[in-house]
Amino acid sequence: MNINIDIEKLILEGMPISPSQARLLQAELESELAKLLANKGLPDNLRSGGVVPGGAIQVKPGTNSTQMGQHIAQEIVIKILGEKS
């Protein structure tokens, strides 16, 4: 199964992040999303497409780019699966 995800916009409000950190965050986010969705799968209602509502995700100050990417991916998967965080 191929899963295509389009994240229209990721705003890191109040998070000073360099271009190299942004690339690392993006890579980690993509990797973690792929891993989590491969393990958990998609709900039936999203198998032929759909939209998952966005929202704010809280990240603790001092979190590095790798941890931030993992955390954001986990929160996105929670929204996709309709779980409570």
PDB file of N, CA and C in Angstrom:
ATOM      1  N   MET A   1       0.849  -1.169   0.000  1.00  0.00           N
ATOM      2  CA  MET A   1       0.000   0.000   0.000  1.00  0.00           C
ATOM      3  C   MET A   1       0.894   1.230   0.000  1.00  0.00           C
ATOM      4  N   ASN A   2       0.599   2.166  -0.868  1.00  0.00           N
ATOM      5  CA  ASN A   2       1.281   3.451  -0.884  1.00  0.00           C
ATOM      6  C   ASN A   2       0.431   4.472  -0.148  1.00  0.00           C
ATOM      7  N   ILE A   3       1.060   5.244   0.674  1.00  0.00           N
ATOM      8  CA  ILE A   3       0.370   6.310   1.407  1.00  0.00           C
ATOM      9  C   ILE A   3       1.031   7.619   1.022  1.00  0.00           C
ATOM     10  N   ASN A   4       0.241   8.548   0.512  1.00  0.00           N
ATOM     11  CA  ASN A   4       0.740   9.873   0.174  1.00  0.00           C
ATOM     12  C   ASN A   4       0.146  10.880   1.136  1.00  0.00           C
ATOM     13  N   ILE A   5       1.016  11.647   1.753  1.00  0.00           N
ATOM     14  CA  ILE A   5       0.581  12.669   2.703  1.00  0.00           C
ATOM     15  C   ILE A   5       1.117  14.007   2.231  1.00  0.00           C
ATOM     16  N   ASP A   6       0.241  14.986   2.195  1.00  0.00           N
ATOM     17  CA  ASP A   6       0.636  16.337   1.822  1.00  0.00           C
ATOM     18  C   ASP A   6       0.388  17.248   3.021  1.00  0.00           C
ATOM     19  N   ILE A   7       1.454  17.705   3.638  1.00  0.00           N
ATOM     20  CA  ILE A   7       1.339  18.659   4.732  1.00  0.00           C
ATOM     21  C   ILE A   7       1.473  20.029   4.102  1.00  0.00           C
ATOM     22  N   GLU A   8       0.346  20.716   4.033  1.00  0.00           N
ATOM     23  CA  GLU A   8       0.312  21.994   3.334  1.00  0.00           C
ATOM     24  C   GLU A   8       1.227  23.022   3.974  1.00  0.00           C
ATOM     25  N   LYS A   9       1.216  23.072   5.287  1.00  0.00           N
ATOM     26  CA  LYS A   9       2.021  24.091   5.963  1.00  0.00           C
ATOM     27  C   LYS A   9       2.345  23.614   7.375  1.00  0.00           C
ATOM     28  N   LEU A  10       3.578  23.813   7.760  1.00  0.00           N
ATOM     29  CA  LEU A  10       4.015  23.513   9.119  1.00  0.00           C
ATOM     30  C   LEU A  10       4.633  24.797   9.662  1.00  0.00           C
ATOM     31  N   ILE A  11       3.959  25.403  10.613  1.00  0.00           N
ATOM     32  CA  ILE A  11       4.415  26.670  11.190  1.00  0.00           C
ATOM     33  C   ILE A  11       5.032  26.381  12.548  1.00  0.00           C
ATOM     34  N   LEU A  12       6.270  26.794  12.710  1.00  0.00           N
ATOM     35  CA  LEU A  12       6.968  26.593  13.976  1.00  0.00           C
ATOM     36  C   LEU A  12       7.033  27.932  14.700  1.00  0.00           C
ATOM     37  N   GLU A  13       5.930  28.285  15.284  1.00  0.00           N
ATOM     38  CA  GLU A  13       5.795  29.580  15.951  1.00  0.00           C
ATOM     39  C   GLU A  13       6.620  29.617  17.229  1.00  0.00           C
ATOM     40  N   GLY A  14       7.471  30.630  17.309  1.00  0.00           N
ATOM     41  CA  GLY A  14       8.274  30.807  18.513  1.00  0.00           C
ATOM     42  C   GLY A  14       9.417  29.821  18.645  1.00  0.00           C
ATOM     43  N   MET A  15       9.716  29.085  17.577  1.00  0.00           N
ATOM     44  CA  MET A  15      10.793  28.101  17.614  1.00  0.00           C
ATOM     45  C   MET A  15      11.916  28.568  16.700  1.00  0.00           C
ATOM     46  N   PRO A  16      12.991  29.109  17.258  1.00  0.00           N
ATOM     47  CA  PRO A  16      14.106  29.521  16.406  1.00  0.00           C
ATOM     48  C   PRO A  16      14.783  28.279  15.825  1.00  0.00           C
ATOM     49  N   ILE A  17      14.735  28.142  14.514  1.00  0.00           N
ATOM     50  CA  ILE A  17      15.259  26.939  13.875  1.00  0.00           C
ATOM     51  C   ILE A  17      16.010  27.340  12.607  1.00  0.00           C
ATOM     52  N   SER A  18      17.193  26.811  12.458  1.00  0.00           N
ATOM     53  CA  SER A  18      18.026  27.135  11.300  1.00  0.00           C
ATOM     54  C   SER A  18      17.581  26.304  10.094  1.00  0.00           C
ATOM     55  N   PRO A  19      17.989  26.691   8.903  1.00  0.00           N
ATOM     56  CA  PRO A  19      17.646  25.897   7.716  1.00  0.00           C
ATOM     57  C   PRO A  19      18.125  24.442   7.819  1.00  0.00           C
ATOM     58  N   SER A  20      19.308  24.217   8.375  1.00  0.00           N
ATOM     59  CA  SER A  20      19.792  22.832   8.504  1.00  0.00           C
ATOM     60  C   SER A  20      18.960  22.055   9.522  1.00  0.00           C
ATOM     61  N   GLN A  21      18.535  22.720  10.596  1.00  0.00           N
ATOM     62  CA  GLN A  21      17.662  22.072  11.575  1.00  0.00           C
ATOM     63  C   GLN A  21      16.301  21.781  10.956  1.00  0.00           C
ATOM     64  N   ALA A  22      15.814  22.684  10.104  1.00  0.00           N
ATOM     65  CA  ALA A  22      14.520  22.486   9.436  1.00  0.00           C
ATOM     66  C   ALA A  22      14.568  21.261   8.531  1.00  0.00           C
ATOM     67  N   ARG A  23      15.682  21.082   7.823  1.00  0.00           N
ATOM     68  CA  ARG A  23      15.816  19.901   6.953  1.00  0.00           C
ATOM     69  C   ARG A  23      15.848  18.620   7.785  1.00  0.00           C
ATOM     70  N   LEU A  24      16.537  18.657   8.905  1.00  0.00           N
ATOM     71  CA  LEU A  24      16.594  17.500   9.796  1.00  0.00           C
ATOM     72  C   LEU A  24      15.209  17.195  10.367  1.00  0.00           C
ATOM     73  N   LEU A  25      14.497  18.222  10.787  1.00  0.00           N
ATOM     74  CA  LEU A  25      13.143  18.049  11.304  1.00  0.00           C
ATOM     75  C   LEU A  25      12.243  17.434  10.235  1.00  0.00           C
ATOM     76  N   GLN A  26      12.323  17.938   9.008  1.00  0.00           N
ATOM     77  CA  GLN A  26      11.508  17.412   7.910  1.00  0.00           C
ATOM     78  C   GLN A  26      11.812  15.939   7.660  1.00  0.00           C
ATOM     79  N   ALA A  27      13.088  15.591   7.611  1.00  0.00           N
ATOM     80  CA  ALA A  27      13.475  14.201   7.372  1.00  0.00           C
ATOM     81  C   ALA A  27      12.972  13.289   8.484  1.00  0.00           C
ATOM     82  N   GLU A  28      13.111  13.733   9.725  1.00  0.00           N
ATOM     83  CA  GLU A  28      12.663  12.925  10.863  1.00  0.00           C
ATOM     84  C   GLU A  28      11.140  12.796  10.872  1.00  0.00           C
ATOM     85  N   LEU A  29      10.444  13.884  10.566  1.00  0.00           N
ATOM     86  CA  LEU A  29       8.978  13.868  10.502  1.00  0.00           C
ATOM     87  C   LEU A  29       8.513  12.866   9.450  1.00  0.00           C
ATOM     88  N   GLU A  30       9.106  12.915   8.263  1.00  0.00           N
ATOM     89  CA  GLU A  30       8.728  11.987   7.190  1.00  0.00           C
ATOM     90  C   GLU A  30       9.033  10.540   7.577  1.00  0.00           C
ATOM     91  N   SER A  31      10.213  10.318   8.161  1.00  0.00           N
ATOM     92  CA  SER A  31      10.608   8.968   8.555  1.00  0.00           C
ATOM     93  C   SER A  31       9.688   8.401   9.631  1.00  0.00           C
ATOM     94  N   GLU A  32       9.409   9.200  10.641  1.00  0.00           N
ATOM     95  CA  GLU A  32       8.554   8.755  11.746  1.00  0.00           C
ATOM     96  C   GLU A  32       7.121   8.520  11.276  1.00  0.00           C
ATOM     97  N   LEU A  33       6.609   9.405  10.409  1.00  0.00           N
ATOM     98  CA  LEU A  33       5.261   9.204   9.866  1.00  0.00           C
ATOM     99  C   LEU A  33       5.187   7.896   9.090  1.00  0.00           C
ATOM    100  N   ALA A  34       6.170   7.645   8.248  1.00  0.00           N
ATOM    101  CA  ALA A  34       6.191   6.411   7.454  1.00  0.00           C
ATOM    102  C   ALA A  34       6.204   5.186   8.370  1.00  0.00           C
ATOM    103  N   LYS A  35       7.049   5.226   9.395  1.00  0.00           N
ATOM    104  CA  LYS A  35       7.162   4.097  10.326  1.00  0.00           C
ATOM    105  C   LYS A  35       5.850   3.865  11.076  1.00  0.00           C
ATOM    106  N   LEU A  36       5.291   4.931  11.623  1.00  0.00           N
ATOM    107  CA  LEU A  36       4.059   4.797  12.413  1.00  0.00           C
ATOM    108  C   LEU A  36       2.884   4.332  11.563  1.00  0.00           C
ATOM    109  N   LEU A  37       2.753   4.902  10.371  1.00  0.00           N
ATOM    110  CA  LEU A  37       1.623   4.513   9.520  1.00  0.00           C
ATOM    111  C   LEU A  37       1.801   3.109   8.957  1.00  0.00           C
ATOM    112  N   ALA A  38       3.030   2.683   8.728  1.00  0.00           N
ATOM    113  CA  ALA A  38       3.265   1.310   8.281  1.00  0.00           C
ATOM    114  C   ALA A  38       2.872   0.328   9.383  1.00  0.00           C
ATOM    115  N   ASN A  39       3.136   0.700  10.632  1.00  0.00           N
ATOM    116  CA  ASN A  39       2.806  -0.173  11.763  1.00  0.00           C
ATOM    117  C   ASN A  39       1.326  -0.147  12.111  1.00  0.00           C
ATOM    118  N   LYS A  40       0.716   1.021  12.082  1.00  0.00           N
ATOM    119  CA  LYS A  40      -0.668   1.165  12.544  1.00  0.00           C
ATOM    120  C   LYS A  40      -1.683   1.105  11.419  1.00  0.00           C
ATOM    121  N   GLY A  41      -1.270   1.418  10.195  1.00  0.00           N
ATOM    122  CA  GLY A  41      -2.198   1.440   9.073  1.00  0.00           C
ATOM    123  C   GLY A  41      -3.089   2.667   9.097  1.00  0.00           C
ATOM    124  N   LEU A  42      -3.907   2.770   8.064  1.00  0.00           N
ATOM    125  CA  LEU A  42      -4.854   3.882   7.949  1.00  0.00           C
ATOM    126  C   LEU A  42      -6.258   3.395   8.283  1.00  0.00           C
ATOM    127  N   PRO A  43      -7.068   4.255   8.881  1.00  0.00           N
ATOM    128  CA  PRO A  43      -8.463   3.875   9.085  1.00  0.00           C
ATOM    129  C   PRO A  43      -9.163   3.752   7.729  1.00  0.00           C
ATOM    130  N   ASP A  44     -10.194   2.924   7.676  1.00  0.00           N
ATOM    131  CA  ASP A  44     -10.911   2.680   6.426  1.00  0.00           C
ATOM    132  C   ASP A  44     -11.392   3.962   5.763  1.00  0.00           C
ATOM    133  N   ASN A  45     -11.832   4.940   6.558  1.00  0.00           N
ATOM    134  CA  ASN A  45     -12.387   6.160   5.987  1.00  0.00           C
ATOM    135  C   ASN A  45     -11.342   7.027   5.279  1.00  0.00           C
ATOM    136  N   LEU A  46     -10.058   6.720   5.444  1.00  0.00           N
ATOM    137  CA  LEU A  46      -9.014   7.499   4.766  1.00  0.00           C
ATOM    138  C   LEU A  46      -8.289   6.706   3.674  1.00  0.00           C
ATOM    139  N   ARG A  47      -8.670   5.456   3.468  1.00  0.00           N
ATOM    140  CA  ARG A  47      -7.951   4.615   2.505  1.00  0.00           C
ATOM    141  C   ARG A  47      -8.090   5.104   1.070  1.00  0.00           C
ATOM    142  N   SER A  48      -9.162   5.768   0.750  1.00  0.00           N
ATOM    143  CA  SER A  48      -9.322   6.281  -0.617  1.00  0.00           C
ATOM    144  C   SER A  48      -9.122   7.791  -0.669  1.00  0.00           C
ATOM    145  N   GLY A  49      -8.602   8.375   0.383  1.00  0.00           N
ATOM    146  CA  GLY A  49      -8.332   9.805   0.421  1.00  0.00           C
ATOM    147  C   GLY A  49      -9.099  10.472   1.535  1.00  0.00           C
ATOM    148  N   GLY A  50      -8.727  11.675   1.839  1.00  0.00           N
ATOM    149  CA  GLY A  50      -9.417  12.416   2.879  1.00  0.00           C
ATOM    150  C   GLY A  50      -8.544  13.516   3.440  1.00  0.00           C
ATOM    151  N   VAL A  51      -9.109  14.223   4.373  1.00  0.00           N
ATOM    152  CA  VAL A  51      -8.425  15.341   5.008  1.00  0.00           C
ATOM    153  C   VAL A  51      -8.443  15.112   6.511  1.00  0.00           C
ATOM    154  N   VAL A  52      -7.318  15.345   7.118  1.00  0.00           N
ATOM    155  CA  VAL A  52      -7.209  15.273   8.570  1.00  0.00           C
ATOM    156  C   VAL A  52      -7.069  16.706   9.067  1.00  0.00           C
ATOM    157  N   PRO A  53      -7.939  17.119   9.969  1.00  0.00           N
ATOM    158  CA  PRO A  53      -7.861  18.503  10.443  1.00  0.00           C
ATOM    159  C   PRO A  53      -6.528  18.805  11.112  1.00  0.00           C
ATOM    160  N   GLY A  54      -6.059  20.007  10.891  1.00  0.00           N
ATOM    161  CA  GLY A  54      -4.817  20.451  11.514  1.00  0.00           C
ATOM    162  C   GLY A  54      -5.079  20.906  12.934  1.00  0.00           C
ATOM    163  N   GLY A  55      -4.116  21.525  13.488  1.00  0.00           N
ATOM    164  CA  GLY A  55      -4.262  22.042  14.842  1.00  0.00           C
ATOM    165  C   GLY A  55      -2.909  22.308  15.447  1.00  0.00           C
ATOM    166  N   ALA A  56      -2.916  22.835  16.621  1.00  0.00           N
ATOM    167  CA  ALA A  56      -1.675  23.167  17.316  1.00  0.00           C
ATOM    168  C   ALA A  56      -1.106  21.930  17.996  1.00  0.00           C
ATOM    169  N   ILE A  57       0.189  21.814  17.946  1.00  0.00           N
ATOM    170  CA  ILE A  57       0.907  20.747  18.629  1.00  0.00           C
ATOM    171  C   ILE A  57       1.923  21.423  19.534  1.00  0.00           C
ATOM    172  N   GLN A  58       1.872  21.104  20.795  1.00  0.00           N
ATOM    173  CA  GLN A  58       2.790  21.719  21.762  1.00  0.00           C
ATOM    174  C   GLN A  58       4.106  20.963  21.772  1.00  0.00           C
ATOM    175  N   VAL A  59       5.205  21.699  21.670  1.00  0.00           N
ATOM    176  CA  VAL A  59       6.541  21.118  21.737  1.00  0.00           C
ATOM    177  C   VAL A  59       7.279  21.801  22.878  1.00  0.00           C
ATOM    178  N   LYS A  60       7.916  21.012  23.708  1.00  0.00           N
ATOM    179  CA  LYS A  60       8.624  21.570  24.864  1.00  0.00           C
ATOM    180  C   LYS A  60       9.842  22.376  24.414  1.00  0.00           C
ATOM    181  N   PRO A  61      10.100  23.488  25.069  1.00  0.00           N
ATOM    182  CA  PRO A  61      11.300  24.266  24.765  1.00  0.00           C
ATOM    183  C   PRO A  61      12.552  23.405  24.947  1.00  0.00           C
ATOM    184  N   GLY A  62      13.541  23.627  24.100  1.00  0.00           N
ATOM    185  CA  GLY A  62      14.786  22.882  24.190  1.00  0.00           C
ATOM    186  C   GLY A  62      14.759  21.555  23.455  1.00  0.00           C
ATOM    187  N   THR A  63      13.621  21.221  22.825  1.00  0.00           N
ATOM    188  CA  THR A  63      13.515  19.983  22.072  1.00  0.00           C
ATOM    189  C   THR A  63      14.351  20.108  20.806  1.00  0.00           C
ATOM    190  N   ASN A  64      15.178  19.095  20.511  1.00  0.00           N
ATOM    191  CA  ASN A  64      15.997  19.176  19.305  1.00  0.00           C
ATOM    192  C   ASN A  64      15.170  18.804  18.070  1.00  0.00           C
ATOM    193  N   SER A  65      15.722  19.018  16.903  1.00  0.00           N
ATOM    194  CA  SER A  65      14.988  18.819  15.651  1.00  0.00           C
ATOM    195  C   SER A  65      14.515  17.384  15.473  1.00  0.00           C
ATOM    196  N   THR A  66      15.338  16.427  15.854  1.00  0.00           N
ATOM    197  CA  THR A  66      14.959  15.015  15.724  1.00  0.00           C
ATOM    198  C   THR A  66      13.775  14.693  16.625  1.00  0.00           C
ATOM    199  N   GLN A  67      13.861  15.091  17.881  1.00  0.00           N
ATOM    200  CA  GLN A  67      12.760  14.852  18.823  1.00  0.00           C
ATOM    201  C   GLN A  67      11.500  15.571  18.380  1.00  0.00           C
ATOM    202  N   MET A  68      11.664  16.786  17.875  1.00  0.00           N
ATOM    203  CA  MET A  68      10.518  17.568  17.424  1.00  0.00           C
ATOM    204  C   MET A  68       9.821  16.869  16.257  1.00  0.00           C
ATOM    205  N   GLY A  69      10.603  16.379  15.297  1.00  0.00           N
ATOM    206  CA  GLY A  69      10.026  15.661  14.156  1.00  0.00           C
ATOM    207  C   GLY A  69       9.268  14.426  14.593  1.00  0.00           C
ATOM    208  N   GLN A  70       9.839  13.678  15.530  1.00  0.00           N
ATOM    209  CA  GLN A  70       9.173  12.480  16.048  1.00  0.00           C
ATOM    210  C   GLN A  70       7.878  12.838  16.759  1.00  0.00           C
ATOM    211  N   HIS A  71       7.930  13.849  17.596  1.00  0.00           N
ATOM    212  CA  HIS A  71       6.749  14.262  18.358  1.00  0.00           C
ATOM    213  C   HIS A  71       5.628  14.753  17.440  1.00  0.00           C
ATOM    214  N   ILE A  72       5.977  15.575  16.468  1.00  0.00           N
ATOM    215  CA  ILE A  72       4.967  16.085  15.533  1.00  0.00           C
ATOM    216  C   ILE A  72       4.353  14.931  14.755  1.00  0.00           C
ATOM    217  N   ALA A  73       5.177  13.986  14.295  1.00  0.00           N
ATOM    218  CA  ALA A  73       4.660  12.823  13.566  1.00  0.00           C
ATOM    219  C   ALA A  73       3.698  12.011  14.432  1.00  0.00           C
ATOM    220  N   GLN A  74       4.061  11.802  15.687  1.00  0.00           N
ATOM    221  CA  GLN A  74       3.198  11.042  16.595  1.00  0.00           C
ATOM    222  C   GLN A  74       1.860  11.744  16.787  1.00  0.00           C
ATOM    223  N   GLU A  75       1.880  13.056  16.922  1.00  0.00           N
ATOM    224  CA  GLU A  75       0.637  13.810  17.092  1.00  0.00           C
ATOM    225  C   GLU A  75      -0.214  13.776  15.819  1.00  0.00           C
ATOM    226  N   ILE A  76       0.423  13.821  14.659  1.00  0.00           N
ATOM    227  CA  ILE A  76      -0.321  13.724  13.394  1.00  0.00           C
ATOM    228  C   ILE A  76      -0.993  12.369  13.287  1.00  0.00           C
ATOM    229  N   VAL A  77      -0.284  11.311  13.636  1.00  0.00           N
ATOM    230  CA  VAL A  77      -0.864   9.964  13.567  1.00  0.00           C
ATOM    231  C   VAL A  77      -2.020   9.830  14.552  1.00  0.00           C
ATOM    232  N   ILE A  78      -1.907  10.425  15.712  1.00  0.00           N
ATOM    233  CA  ILE A  78      -3.018  10.417  16.672  1.00  0.00           C
ATOM    234  C   ILE A  78      -4.249  11.052  16.035  1.00  0.00           C
ATOM    235  N   LYS A  79      -4.061  12.175  15.328  1.00  0.00           N
ATOM    236  CA  LYS A  79      -5.195  12.835  14.639  1.00  0.00           C
ATOM    237  C   LYS A  79      -5.745  11.957  13.528  1.00  0.00           C
ATOM    238  N   ILE A  80      -4.857  11.320  12.763  1.00  0.00           N
ATOM    239  CA  ILE A  80      -5.281  10.456  11.665  1.00  0.00           C
ATOM    240  C   ILE A  80      -6.124   9.298  12.205  1.00  0.00           C
ATOM    241  N   LEU A  81      -5.689   8.722  13.289  1.00  0.00           N
ATOM    242  CA  LEU A  81      -6.366   7.545  13.845  1.00  0.00           C
ATOM    243  C   LEU A  81      -7.540   7.922  14.750  1.00  0.00           C
ATOM    244  N   GLY A  82      -7.678   9.209  15.043  1.00  0.00           N
ATOM    245  CA  GLY A  82      -8.781   9.655  15.878  1.00  0.00           C
ATOM    246  C   GLY A  82      -8.608   9.305  17.338  1.00  0.00           C
ATOM    247  N   GLU A  83      -7.365   9.163  17.753  1.00  0.00           N
ATOM    248  CA  GLU A  83      -7.070   8.842  19.156  1.00  0.00           C
ATOM    249  C   GLU A  83      -6.939  10.120  19.970  1.00  0.00           C
ATOM    250  N   LYS A  84      -6.983   9.969  21.253  1.00  0.00           N
ATOM    251  CA  LYS A  84      -6.745  11.091  22.164  1.00  0.00           C
ATOM    252  C   LYS A  84      -5.264  11.117  22.500  1.00  0.00           C
ATOM    253  N   SER A  85      -4.683  12.332  22.540  1.00  0.00           N
ATOM    254  CA  SER A  85      -3.250  12.417  22.902  1.00  0.00           C
ATOM    255  C   SER A  85      -3.096  12.567  24.399  1.00  0.00           C
TER     256      SER A  85
END
